[in-house]
Amino acid sequence: MSTSLKDKLFIASQYLVPQHLLSRGIGAVAASEIDWIKNPLIRGFIKQFDVNMDEAQRQKPEDFRCFNDFFTRELKDDARPIANGDNMIVSPADGAVSQLGPIENGRIFQAKGQDYSLIELLGGDSERAAPFMGGEFSTIYLSPKDYHRVHMPVTGTLREMIYVPGDLFSVNQVTAENVPRLFSRNERVVAIFDTELGQMAMVLVGAMIVAAVETIWHGLVTPPKRELRVTSYPSPEPITIEKGEEMGRFLLGSTVVLCFEKGKMHWQETLDAGSPLRMGESIAMTLE
């Protein structure tokens, strides 16, 4: 299918707009605690994107400190049950599968005609990427209406966090099909965990107007200088997060890429590109 003129203009605009300046500006508005700014913004967002507030612990715009507080809203305790079974790997987020499958020849499939380097995705270190060569990946897209906290697919102990500076292209089907190396060129936070399945990588990818990414062990991941930064753990105590527990969140945004080692797991056969997901449901099984 050829790209429409509308899509071509949208893609061209992505290269022309000041991505980081625009994102910082919108981020400032999203952090505003002024009632006449944040309340209409939250109310309009709920209506525009048909957000289900019945499952949220707080449900009125007035209950939230700012738009970011609303966007990262917590859910009621029973809203996202975690799939039972030690051999089950669960979805880290609400959203939809963008792509999933094997990591072949060190490349990850992005969309028809597009792929990108595993090494580049994980920050450019071939030793860091080595355990995942020939393994499995899944790309999960979070839409605006989704719950935007990210949870652990399996229990893991944090080994390393890497902040990778980059662009802030919008993330959607159009850009995935037309922007080369979209997920490995956008700004991102890479978290490497040691698990019973070997190493697992969780990559939180930023996008246009994504104000920031937070993790539970670090808080806001926004270095003063936009340069690669690697933090090794334990520092000073091991950080172990149980399956289903929160590990981070997006302040406006975007996409999670999961990577597993070869021969450790397989995706549920019912999953395919476009499959809807809810945090906590089973997306894969471990191999015994």
C-alpha atoms as a PDB file:
ATOM      1  CA  MET A   1       0.000   0.000   0.000  1.00  0.00           C
ATOM      2  CA  SER A   2       1.455   3.355  -1.011  1.00  0.00           C
ATOM      3  CA  THR A   3       1.848   6.171   1.489  1.00  0.00           C
ATOM      4  CA  SER A   4      -0.889   8.829   1.226  1.00  0.00           C
ATOM      5  CA  LEU A   5      -0.111  12.513   0.799  1.00  0.00           C
ATOM      6  CA  LYS A   6      -1.439  13.175   4.297  1.00  0.00           C
ATOM      7  CA  ASP A   7       0.927  10.592   5.772  1.00  0.00           C
ATOM      8  CA  LYS A   8       3.854  11.935   3.742  1.00  0.00           C
ATOM      9  CA  LEU A   9       3.225  15.445   5.084  1.00  0.00           C
ATOM     10  CA  PHE A  10       2.955  14.085   8.630  1.00  0.00           C
ATOM     11  CA  ILE A  11       6.255  12.222   8.282  1.00  0.00           C
ATOM     12  CA  ALA A  12       7.950  15.301   6.808  1.00  0.00           C
ATOM     13  CA  SER A  13       6.729  17.394   9.745  1.00  0.00           C
ATOM     14  CA  GLN A  14       8.395  14.968  12.153  1.00  0.00           C
ATOM     15  CA  TYR A  15      11.791  15.886  10.729  1.00  0.00           C
ATOM     16  CA  LEU A  16      11.080  19.624  10.655  1.00  0.00           C
ATOM     17  CA  VAL A  17       9.586  20.415  14.062  1.00  0.00           C
ATOM     18  CA  PRO A  18      11.877  21.096  17.066  1.00  0.00           C
ATOM     19  CA  GLN A  19      11.110  17.771  18.741  1.00  0.00           C
ATOM     20  CA  HIS A  20      12.758  18.322  22.114  1.00  0.00           C
ATOM     21  CA  LEU A  21      11.671  21.958  22.469  1.00  0.00           C
ATOM     22  CA  LEU A  22       8.070  21.055  21.669  1.00  0.00           C
ATOM     23  CA  SER A  23       8.149  18.123  24.089  1.00  0.00           C
ATOM     24  CA  ARG A  24       9.587  20.279  26.887  1.00  0.00           C
ATOM     25  CA  GLY A  25       6.909  22.905  26.321  1.00  0.00           C
ATOM     26  CA  ILE A  26       4.069  20.412  26.438  1.00  0.00           C
ATOM     27  CA  GLY A  27       5.744  18.747  29.421  1.00  0.00           C
ATOM     28  CA  ALA A  28       5.618  22.056  31.303  1.00  0.00           C
ATOM     29  CA  VAL A  29       1.878  22.372  30.642  1.00  0.00           C
ATOM     30  CA  ALA A  30       1.332  18.738  31.699  1.00  0.00           C
ATOM     31  CA  ALA A  31       3.103  19.470  35.001  1.00  0.00           C
ATOM     32  CA  SER A  32       1.064  22.585  35.750  1.00  0.00           C
ATOM     33  CA  GLU A  33      -0.922  22.467  39.009  1.00  0.00           C
ATOM     34  CA  ILE A  34      -3.083  25.472  38.109  1.00  0.00           C
ATOM     35  CA  ASP A  35      -6.729  24.385  38.261  1.00  0.00           C
ATOM     36  CA  TRP A  36      -7.935  26.314  35.216  1.00  0.00           C
ATOM     37  CA  ILE A  37      -5.177  24.698  33.138  1.00  0.00           C
ATOM     38  CA  LYS A  38      -5.105  21.104  34.354  1.00  0.00           C
ATOM     39  CA  ASN A  39      -8.814  20.433  35.017  1.00  0.00           C
ATOM     40  CA  PRO A  40     -10.118  21.312  31.503  1.00  0.00           C
ATOM     41  CA  LEU A  41      -7.110  19.534  29.993  1.00  0.00           C
ATOM     42  CA  ILE A  42      -7.851  16.330  31.906  1.00  0.00           C
ATOM     43  CA  ARG A  43     -11.583  16.563  31.224  1.00  0.00           C
ATOM     44  CA  GLY A  44     -11.025  17.108  27.503  1.00  0.00           C
ATOM     45  CA  PHE A  45      -8.526  14.245  27.296  1.00  0.00           C
ATOM     46  CA  ILE A  46     -10.927  11.809  28.980  1.00  0.00           C
ATOM     47  CA  LYS A  47     -13.680  12.746  26.498  1.00  0.00           C
ATOM     48  CA  GLN A  48     -11.440  12.805  23.410  1.00  0.00           C
ATOM     49  CA  PHE A  49      -9.888   9.394  24.020  1.00  0.00           C
ATOM     50  CA  ASP A  50     -12.791   7.727  25.863  1.00  0.00           C
ATOM     51  CA  VAL A  51     -10.676   6.957  28.929  1.00  0.00           C
ATOM     52  CA  ASN A  52     -12.258   4.421  31.292  1.00  0.00           C
ATOM     53  CA  MET A  53     -12.121   6.185  34.648  1.00  0.00           C
ATOM     54  CA  ASP A  54     -14.287   3.590  36.414  1.00  0.00           C
ATOM     55  CA  GLU A  55     -11.190   1.439  36.992  1.00  0.00           C
ATOM     56  CA  ALA A  56      -9.086   4.314  38.383  1.00  0.00           C
ATOM     57  CA  GLN A  57      -8.661   4.900  42.110  1.00  0.00           C
ATOM     58  CA  ARG A  58      -9.244   8.629  41.579  1.00  0.00           C
ATOM     59  CA  GLN A  59     -11.852   9.568  38.996  1.00  0.00           C
ATOM     60  CA  LYS A  60     -12.409  13.352  38.941  1.00  0.00           C
ATOM     61  CA  PRO A  61     -10.060  15.899  37.288  1.00  0.00           C
ATOM     62  CA  GLU A  62     -10.006  17.787  40.596  1.00  0.00           C
ATOM     63  CA  ASP A  63      -8.532  14.708  42.312  1.00  0.00           C
ATOM     64  CA  PHE A  64      -5.269  14.962  40.366  1.00  0.00           C
ATOM     65  CA  ARG A  65      -2.385  17.306  41.157  1.00  0.00           C
ATOM     66  CA  CYS A  66      -1.616  17.913  37.458  1.00  0.00           C
ATOM     67  CA  PHE A  67      -2.151  16.307  34.056  1.00  0.00           C
ATOM     68  CA  ASN A  68       0.903  14.061  34.547  1.00  0.00           C
ATOM     69  CA  ASP A  69      -0.622  12.827  37.798  1.00  0.00           C
ATOM     70  CA  PHE A  70      -3.767  11.907  35.860  1.00  0.00           C
ATOM     71  CA  PHE A  71      -1.857  10.331  32.983  1.00  0.00           C
ATOM     72  CA  THR A  72       0.037   8.010  35.343  1.00  0.00           C
ATOM     73  CA  ARG A  73      -3.092   7.331  37.437  1.00  0.00           C
ATOM     74  CA  GLU A  74      -3.135   4.242  39.594  1.00  0.00           C
ATOM     75  CA  LEU A  75      -5.881   1.660  39.110  1.00  0.00           C
ATOM     76  CA  LYS A  76      -8.102  -0.067  41.638  1.00  0.00           C
ATOM     77  CA  ASP A  77      -6.403  -3.029  43.286  1.00  0.00           C
ATOM     78  CA  ASP A  78      -8.450  -5.634  41.397  1.00  0.00           C
ATOM     79  CA  ALA A  79      -8.402  -3.917  37.993  1.00  0.00           C
ATOM     80  CA  ARG A  80      -5.429  -5.858  36.589  1.00  0.00           C
ATOM     81  CA  PRO A  81      -5.120  -9.383  38.024  1.00  0.00           C
ATOM     82  CA  ILE A  82      -1.753 -11.037  37.405  1.00  0.00           C
ATOM     83  CA  ALA A  83      -1.929 -14.377  35.562  1.00  0.00           C
ATOM     84  CA  ASN A  84      -1.216 -17.324  37.833  1.00  0.00           C
ATOM     85  CA  GLY A  85       1.517 -19.844  37.108  1.00  0.00           C
ATOM     86  CA  ASP A  86       5.276 -19.773  37.562  1.00  0.00           C
ATOM     87  CA  ASN A  87       5.748 -20.522  33.852  1.00  0.00           C
ATOM     88  CA  MET A  88       3.699 -17.545  32.671  1.00  0.00           C
ATOM     89  CA  ILE A  89       5.200 -14.298  31.408  1.00  0.00           C
ATOM     90  CA  VAL A  90       2.750 -11.412  31.683  1.00  0.00           C
ATOM     91  CA  SER A  91       2.176  -8.247  29.727  1.00  0.00           C
ATOM     92  CA  PRO A  92       4.077  -5.309  31.247  1.00  0.00           C
ATOM     93  CA  ALA A  93       1.486  -2.766  30.121  1.00  0.00           C
ATOM     94  CA  ASP A  94      -1.895  -2.050  28.639  1.00  0.00           C
ATOM     95  CA  GLY A  95      -1.706  -1.473  24.913  1.00  0.00           C
ATOM     96  CA  ALA A  96      -1.389  -3.520  21.749  1.00  0.00           C
ATOM     97  CA  VAL A  97       1.256  -5.704  20.161  1.00  0.00           C
ATOM     98  CA  SER A  98       3.043  -3.767  17.450  1.00  0.00           C
ATOM     99  CA  GLN A  99       5.304  -6.676  16.447  1.00  0.00           C
ATOM    100  CA  LEU A 100       6.770  -9.782  18.052  1.00  0.00           C
ATOM    101  CA  GLY A 101       8.963 -12.682  17.041  1.00  0.00           C
ATOM    102  CA  PRO A 102      12.576 -13.827  16.782  1.00  0.00           C
ATOM    103  CA  ILE A 103      15.605 -11.542  16.817  1.00  0.00           C
ATOM    104  CA  GLU A 104      17.272 -12.605  13.566  1.00  0.00           C
ATOM    105  CA  ASN A 105      20.859 -11.754  12.639  1.00  0.00           C
ATOM    106  CA  GLY A 106      20.894  -9.112  15.361  1.00  0.00           C
ATOM    107  CA  ARG A 107      17.925  -7.281  13.813  1.00  0.00           C
ATOM    108  CA  ILE A 108      14.446  -6.561  15.207  1.00  0.00           C
ATOM    109  CA  PHE A 109      11.460  -6.303  12.875  1.00  0.00           C
ATOM    110  CA  GLN A 110       9.783  -2.880  13.039  1.00  0.00           C
ATOM    111  CA  ALA A 111       7.200  -2.898  10.247  1.00  0.00           C
ATOM    112  CA  LYS A 112       6.954  -3.921   6.610  1.00  0.00           C
ATOM    113  CA  GLY A 113      10.244  -2.938   4.997  1.00  0.00           C
ATOM    114  CA  GLN A 114      11.773  -1.685   8.253  1.00  0.00           C
ATOM    115  CA  ASP A 115      13.984  -3.245  10.917  1.00  0.00           C
ATOM    116  CA  TYR A 116      16.701  -2.044  13.281  1.00  0.00           C
ATOM    117  CA  SER A 117      19.782  -3.152  15.179  1.00  0.00           C
ATOM    118  CA  LEU A 118      19.474  -4.863  18.571  1.00  0.00           C
ATOM    119  CA  ILE A 119      22.900  -3.482  19.515  1.00  0.00           C
ATOM    120  CA  GLU A 120      21.824   0.067  18.689  1.00  0.00           C
ATOM    121  CA  LEU A 121      18.542  -0.362  20.608  1.00  0.00           C
ATOM    122  CA  LEU A 122      20.399  -1.370  23.779  1.00  0.00           C
ATOM    123  CA  GLY A 123      22.829   1.531  23.652  1.00  0.00           C
ATOM    124  CA  GLY A 124      25.544   0.422  21.218  1.00  0.00           C
ATOM    125  CA  ASP A 125      27.344  -2.183  23.362  1.00  0.00           C
ATOM    126  CA  SER A 126      27.749  -5.549  21.597  1.00  0.00           C
ATOM    127  CA  GLU A 127      28.521  -7.388  24.862  1.00  0.00           C
ATOM    128  CA  ARG A 128      25.276  -6.119  26.382  1.00  0.00           C
ATOM    129  CA  ALA A 129      23.334  -7.282  23.319  1.00  0.00           C
ATOM    130  CA  ALA A 130      25.060 -10.684  23.012  1.00  0.00           C
ATOM    131  CA  PRO A 131      22.729 -12.655  25.357  1.00  0.00           C
ATOM    132  CA  PHE A 132      19.722 -11.656  23.244  1.00  0.00           C
ATOM    133  CA  MET A 133      21.091 -12.645  19.843  1.00  0.00           C
ATOM    134  CA  GLY A 134      18.727 -15.206  18.341  1.00  0.00           C
ATOM    135  CA  GLY A 135      16.266 -14.573  21.144  1.00  0.00           C
ATOM    136  CA  GLU A 136      12.735 -13.179  21.136  1.00  0.00           C
ATOM    137  CA  PHE A 137      11.299  -9.663  21.159  1.00  0.00           C
ATOM    138  CA  SER A 138       7.914  -8.010  21.563  1.00  0.00           C
ATOM    139  CA  THR A 139       7.052  -4.382  20.882  1.00  0.00           C
ATOM    140  CA  ILE A 140       4.053  -3.063  22.838  1.00  0.00           C
ATOM    141  CA  TYR A 141       2.436   0.264  21.923  1.00  0.00           C
ATOM    142  CA  LEU A 142       0.570   2.241  24.585  1.00  0.00           C
ATOM    143  CA  SER A 143      -2.241   4.424  23.207  1.00  0.00           C
ATOM    144  CA  PRO A 144      -3.277   7.700  24.864  1.00  0.00           C
ATOM    145  CA  LYS A 145      -6.245   6.139  26.678  1.00  0.00           C
ATOM    146  CA  ASP A 146      -4.214   3.286  28.176  1.00  0.00           C
ATOM    147  CA  TYR A 147      -2.946   2.822  31.717  1.00  0.00           C
ATOM    148  CA  HIS A 148       0.631   4.149  31.525  1.00  0.00           C
ATOM    149  CA  ARG A 149       2.457   2.386  34.331  1.00  0.00           C
ATOM    150  CA  VAL A 150       4.853  -0.375  33.277  1.00  0.00           C
ATOM    151  CA  HIS A 151       5.144  -3.592  35.296  1.00  0.00           C
ATOM    152  CA  MET A 152       7.466  -6.593  35.399  1.00  0.00           C
ATOM    153  CA  PRO A 153       6.683  -9.511  33.027  1.00  0.00           C
ATOM    154  CA  VAL A 154       8.682 -11.828  35.331  1.00  0.00           C
ATOM    155  CA  THR A 155      10.534 -11.367  38.605  1.00  0.00           C
ATOM    156  CA  GLY A 156      13.940  -9.803  38.000  1.00  0.00           C
ATOM    157  CA  THR A 157      16.936  -8.235  39.713  1.00  0.00           C
ATOM    158  CA  LEU A 158      18.194  -5.031  38.110  1.00  0.00           C
ATOM    159  CA  ARG A 159      21.620  -5.399  36.505  1.00  0.00           C
ATOM    160  CA  GLU A 160      21.979  -2.172  34.530  1.00  0.00           C
ATOM    161  CA  MET A 161      20.095   0.941  33.421  1.00  0.00           C
ATOM    162  CA  ILE A 162      21.115   2.819  30.298  1.00  0.00           C
ATOM    163  CA  TYR A 163      19.806   6.219  29.268  1.00  0.00           C
ATOM    164  CA  VAL A 164      20.190   6.590  25.498  1.00  0.00           C
ATOM    165  CA  PRO A 165      19.651  10.095  24.053  1.00  0.00           C
ATOM    166  CA  GLY A 166      17.986  10.370  20.680  1.00  0.00           C
ATOM    167  CA  ASP A 167      15.188  11.803  18.588  1.00  0.00           C
ATOM    168  CA  LEU A 168      11.556  12.117  19.618  1.00  0.00           C
ATOM    169  CA  PHE A 169       9.607  10.992  16.570  1.00  0.00           C
ATOM    170  CA  SER A 170       5.947  10.193  17.146  1.00  0.00           C
ATOM    171  CA  VAL A 171       5.335   6.476  17.521  1.00  0.00           C
ATOM    172  CA  ASN A 172       2.420   5.033  15.547  1.00  0.00           C
ATOM    173  CA  GLN A 173       1.811   2.750  12.573  1.00  0.00           C
ATOM    174  CA  VAL A 174       2.637   5.468  10.031  1.00  0.00           C
ATOM    175  CA  THR A 175       6.014   6.341  11.550  1.00  0.00           C
ATOM    176  CA  ALA A 176       6.845   2.667  12.184  1.00  0.00           C
ATOM    177  CA  GLU A 177       6.386   1.977   8.480  1.00  0.00           C
ATOM    178  CA  ASN A 178       8.210   5.068   7.242  1.00  0.00           C
ATOM    179  CA  VAL A 179      10.837   6.248   9.758  1.00  0.00           C
ATOM    180  CA  PRO A 180      13.933   4.010   9.576  1.00  0.00           C
ATOM    181  CA  ARG A 181      15.197   2.647  12.923  1.00  0.00           C
ATOM    182  CA  LEU A 182      12.373   4.399  14.783  1.00  0.00           C
ATOM    183  CA  PHE A 183      12.755   2.589  18.113  1.00  0.00           C
ATOM    184  CA  SER A 184      16.548   2.564  18.092  1.00  0.00           C
ATOM    185  CA  ARG A 185      16.865   6.264  17.230  1.00  0.00           C
ATOM    186  CA  ASN A 186      14.301   7.705  19.671  1.00  0.00           C
ATOM    187  CA  GLU A 187      15.352   8.634  23.201  1.00  0.00           C
ATOM    188  CA  ARG A 188      14.940   5.652  25.525  1.00  0.00           C
ATOM    189  CA  VAL A 189      15.679   4.030  28.859  1.00  0.00           C
ATOM    190  CA  VAL A 190      17.037   0.469  28.784  1.00  0.00           C
ATOM    191  CA  ALA A 191      16.713  -1.707  31.907  1.00  0.00           C
ATOM    192  CA  ILE A 192      18.525  -5.067  31.981  1.00  0.00           C
ATOM    193  CA  PHE A 193      17.324  -7.596  34.565  1.00  0.00           C
ATOM    194  CA  ASP A 194      18.634 -10.974  35.703  1.00  0.00           C
ATOM    195  CA  THR A 195      15.736 -13.450  35.823  1.00  0.00           C
ATOM    196  CA  GLU A 196      15.130 -17.199  36.001  1.00  0.00           C
ATOM    197  CA  LEU A 197      15.060 -17.024  32.177  1.00  0.00           C
ATOM    198  CA  GLY A 198      18.490 -15.438  31.997  1.00  0.00           C
ATOM    199  CA  GLN A 199      18.734 -11.774  31.121  1.00  0.00           C
ATOM    200  CA  MET A 200      15.682  -9.726  30.112  1.00  0.00           C
ATOM    201  CA  ALA A 201      15.748  -6.262  28.539  1.00  0.00           C
ATOM    202  CA  MET A 202      12.924  -3.771  28.999  1.00  0.00           C
ATOM    203  CA  VAL A 203      13.275  -0.730  26.757  1.00  0.00           C
ATOM    204  CA  LEU A 204      11.017   2.256  27.464  1.00  0.00           C
ATOM    205  CA  VAL A 205      10.992   4.293  24.257  1.00  0.00           C
ATOM    206  CA  GLY A 206      10.209   8.002  24.292  1.00  0.00           C
ATOM    207  CA  ALA A 207       8.275   9.832  21.591  1.00  0.00           C
ATOM    208  CA  MET A 208       7.054  13.259  20.521  1.00  0.00           C
ATOM    209  CA  ILE A 209       5.609  15.152  23.532  1.00  0.00           C
ATOM    210  CA  VAL A 210       6.715  12.428  25.968  1.00  0.00           C
ATOM    211  CA  ALA A 211       7.764  14.594  28.886  1.00  0.00           C
ATOM    212  CA  ALA A 212       9.861  11.960  30.655  1.00  0.00           C
ATOM    213  CA  VAL A 213      10.284   8.369  31.751  1.00  0.00           C
ATOM    214  CA  GLU A 214      10.355   7.380  35.425  1.00  0.00           C
ATOM    215  CA  THR A 215      11.601   4.228  37.128  1.00  0.00           C
ATOM    216  CA  ILE A 216      10.758   3.202  40.694  1.00  0.00           C
ATOM    217  CA  TRP A 217      14.443   2.998  41.671  1.00  0.00           C
ATOM    218  CA  HIS A 218      15.632   6.252  40.089  1.00  0.00           C
ATOM    219  CA  GLY A 219      12.647   8.546  39.641  1.00  0.00           C
ATOM    220  CA  LEU A 220      12.739  10.848  36.615  1.00  0.00           C
ATOM    221  CA  VAL A 221      15.378   9.746  34.117  1.00  0.00           C
ATOM    222  CA  THR A 222      16.298  13.135  32.691  1.00  0.00           C
ATOM    223  CA  PRO A 223      20.072  13.736  32.722  1.00  0.00           C
ATOM    224  CA  PRO A 224      21.240  17.384  32.617  1.00  0.00           C
ATOM    225  CA  LYS A 225      23.257  16.486  29.524  1.00  0.00           C
ATOM    226  CA  ARG A 226      21.728  14.502  26.696  1.00  0.00           C
ATOM    227  CA  GLU A 227      24.476  11.911  26.500  1.00  0.00           C
ATOM    228  CA  LEU A 228      24.649   8.143  26.992  1.00  0.00           C
ATOM    229  CA  ARG A 229      24.662   7.237  30.669  1.00  0.00           C
ATOM    230  CA  VAL A 230      25.126   3.736  32.094  1.00  0.00           C
ATOM    231  CA  THR A 231      24.350   2.880  35.733  1.00  0.00           C
ATOM    232  CA  SER A 232      25.278  -0.555  37.087  1.00  0.00           C
ATOM    233  CA  TYR A 233      23.496  -2.189  40.023  1.00  0.00           C
ATOM    234  CA  PRO A 234      23.372  -3.248  42.882  1.00  0.00           C
ATOM    235  CA  SER A 235      23.892   0.279  44.140  1.00  0.00           C
ATOM    236  CA  PRO A 236      24.257  -0.412  47.083  1.00  0.00           C
ATOM    237  CA  GLU A 237      21.493  -3.016  47.624  1.00  0.00           C
ATOM    238  CA  PRO A 238      20.135  -5.421  44.965  1.00  0.00           C
ATOM    239  CA  ILE A 239      16.896  -4.156  43.424  1.00  0.00           C
ATOM    240  CA  THR A 240      14.543  -7.086  42.877  1.00  0.00           C
ATOM    241  CA  ILE A 241      11.050  -6.468  41.493  1.00  0.00           C
ATOM    242  CA  GLU A 242       8.427  -9.205  41.548  1.00  0.00           C
ATOM    243  CA  LYS A 243       6.346 -10.221  38.541  1.00  0.00           C
ATOM    244  CA  GLY A 244       3.426  -7.829  38.188  1.00  0.00           C
ATOM    245  CA  GLU A 245       4.970  -5.079  40.317  1.00  0.00           C
ATOM    246  CA  GLU A 246       5.491  -1.614  38.842  1.00  0.00           C
ATOM    247  CA  MET A 247       8.957  -0.845  37.429  1.00  0.00           C
ATOM    248  CA  GLY A 248       8.354   2.503  35.726  1.00  0.00           C
ATOM    249  CA  ARG A 249       5.956   4.822  33.949  1.00  0.00           C
ATOM    250  CA  PHE A 250       5.625   7.174  30.993  1.00  0.00           C
ATOM    251  CA  LEU A 251       4.787  10.848  31.449  1.00  0.00           C
ATOM    252  CA  LEU A 252       2.953  11.099  28.109  1.00  0.00           C
ATOM    253  CA  GLY A 253       3.957   8.283  25.936  1.00  0.00           C
ATOM    254  CA  SER A 254       4.878   5.524  24.137  1.00  0.00           C
ATOM    255  CA  THR A 255       6.317   2.044  23.612  1.00  0.00           C
ATOM    256  CA  VAL A 256       7.928  -0.864  25.472  1.00  0.00           C
ATOM    257  CA  VAL A 257      10.282  -3.293  23.720  1.00  0.00           C
ATOM    258  CA  LEU A 258      10.917  -6.594  25.538  1.00  0.00           C
ATOM    259  CA  CYS A 259      13.871  -8.859  24.716  1.00  0.00           C
ATOM    260  CA  PHE A 260      14.511 -12.386  26.001  1.00  0.00           C
ATOM    261  CA  GLU A 261      17.356 -14.840  25.508  1.00  0.00           C
ATOM    262  CA  LYS A 262      17.183 -17.643  22.944  1.00  0.00           C
ATOM    263  CA  GLY A 263      15.411 -20.861  23.894  1.00  0.00           C
ATOM    264  CA  LYS A 264      13.936 -19.582  27.144  1.00  0.00           C
ATOM    265  CA  MET A 265      10.309 -18.824  26.237  1.00  0.00           C
ATOM    266  CA  HIS A 266       7.697 -18.734  23.488  1.00  0.00           C
ATOM    267  CA  TRP A 267       4.923 -16.251  22.784  1.00  0.00           C
ATOM    268  CA  GLN A 268       1.284 -17.242  23.143  1.00  0.00           C
ATOM    269  CA  GLU A 269       0.076 -18.514  19.768  1.00  0.00           C
ATOM    270  CA  THR A 270      -2.953 -16.214  19.890  1.00  0.00           C
ATOM    271  CA  LEU A 271      -0.751 -13.083  19.838  1.00  0.00           C
ATOM    272  CA  ASP A 272      -0.039 -11.251  16.607  1.00  0.00           C
ATOM    273  CA  ALA A 273       0.550  -7.709  15.405  1.00  0.00           C
ATOM    274  CA  GLY A 274      -2.409  -5.647  16.567  1.00  0.00           C
ATOM    275  CA  SER A 275      -3.443  -7.934  19.434  1.00  0.00           C
ATOM    276  CA  PRO A 276      -4.823  -5.876  22.352  1.00  0.00           C
ATOM    277  CA  LEU A 277      -3.138  -6.357  25.738  1.00  0.00           C
ATOM    278  CA  ARG A 278      -3.954  -5.711  29.356  1.00  0.00           C
ATOM    279  CA  MET A 279      -1.244  -5.520  31.965  1.00  0.00           C
ATOM    280  CA  GLY A 280      -0.945  -8.801  33.870  1.00  0.00           C
ATOM    281  CA  GLU A 281      -2.402 -11.161  31.287  1.00  0.00           C
ATOM    282  CA  SER A 282      -0.248 -14.019  30.014  1.00  0.00           C
ATOM    283  CA  ILE A 283       1.648 -13.204  26.830  1.00  0.00           C
ATOM    284  CA  ALA A 284       4.219 -16.035  26.846  1.00  0.00           C
ATOM    285  CA  MET A 285       5.274 -19.266  28.502  1.00  0.00           C
ATOM    286  CA  THR A 286       8.667 -20.358  29.743  1.00  0.00           C
ATOM    287  CA  LEU A 287      10.303 -23.385  28.132  1.00  0.00           C
ATOM    288  CA  GLU A 288      11.077 -26.221  30.535  1.00  0.00           C
END
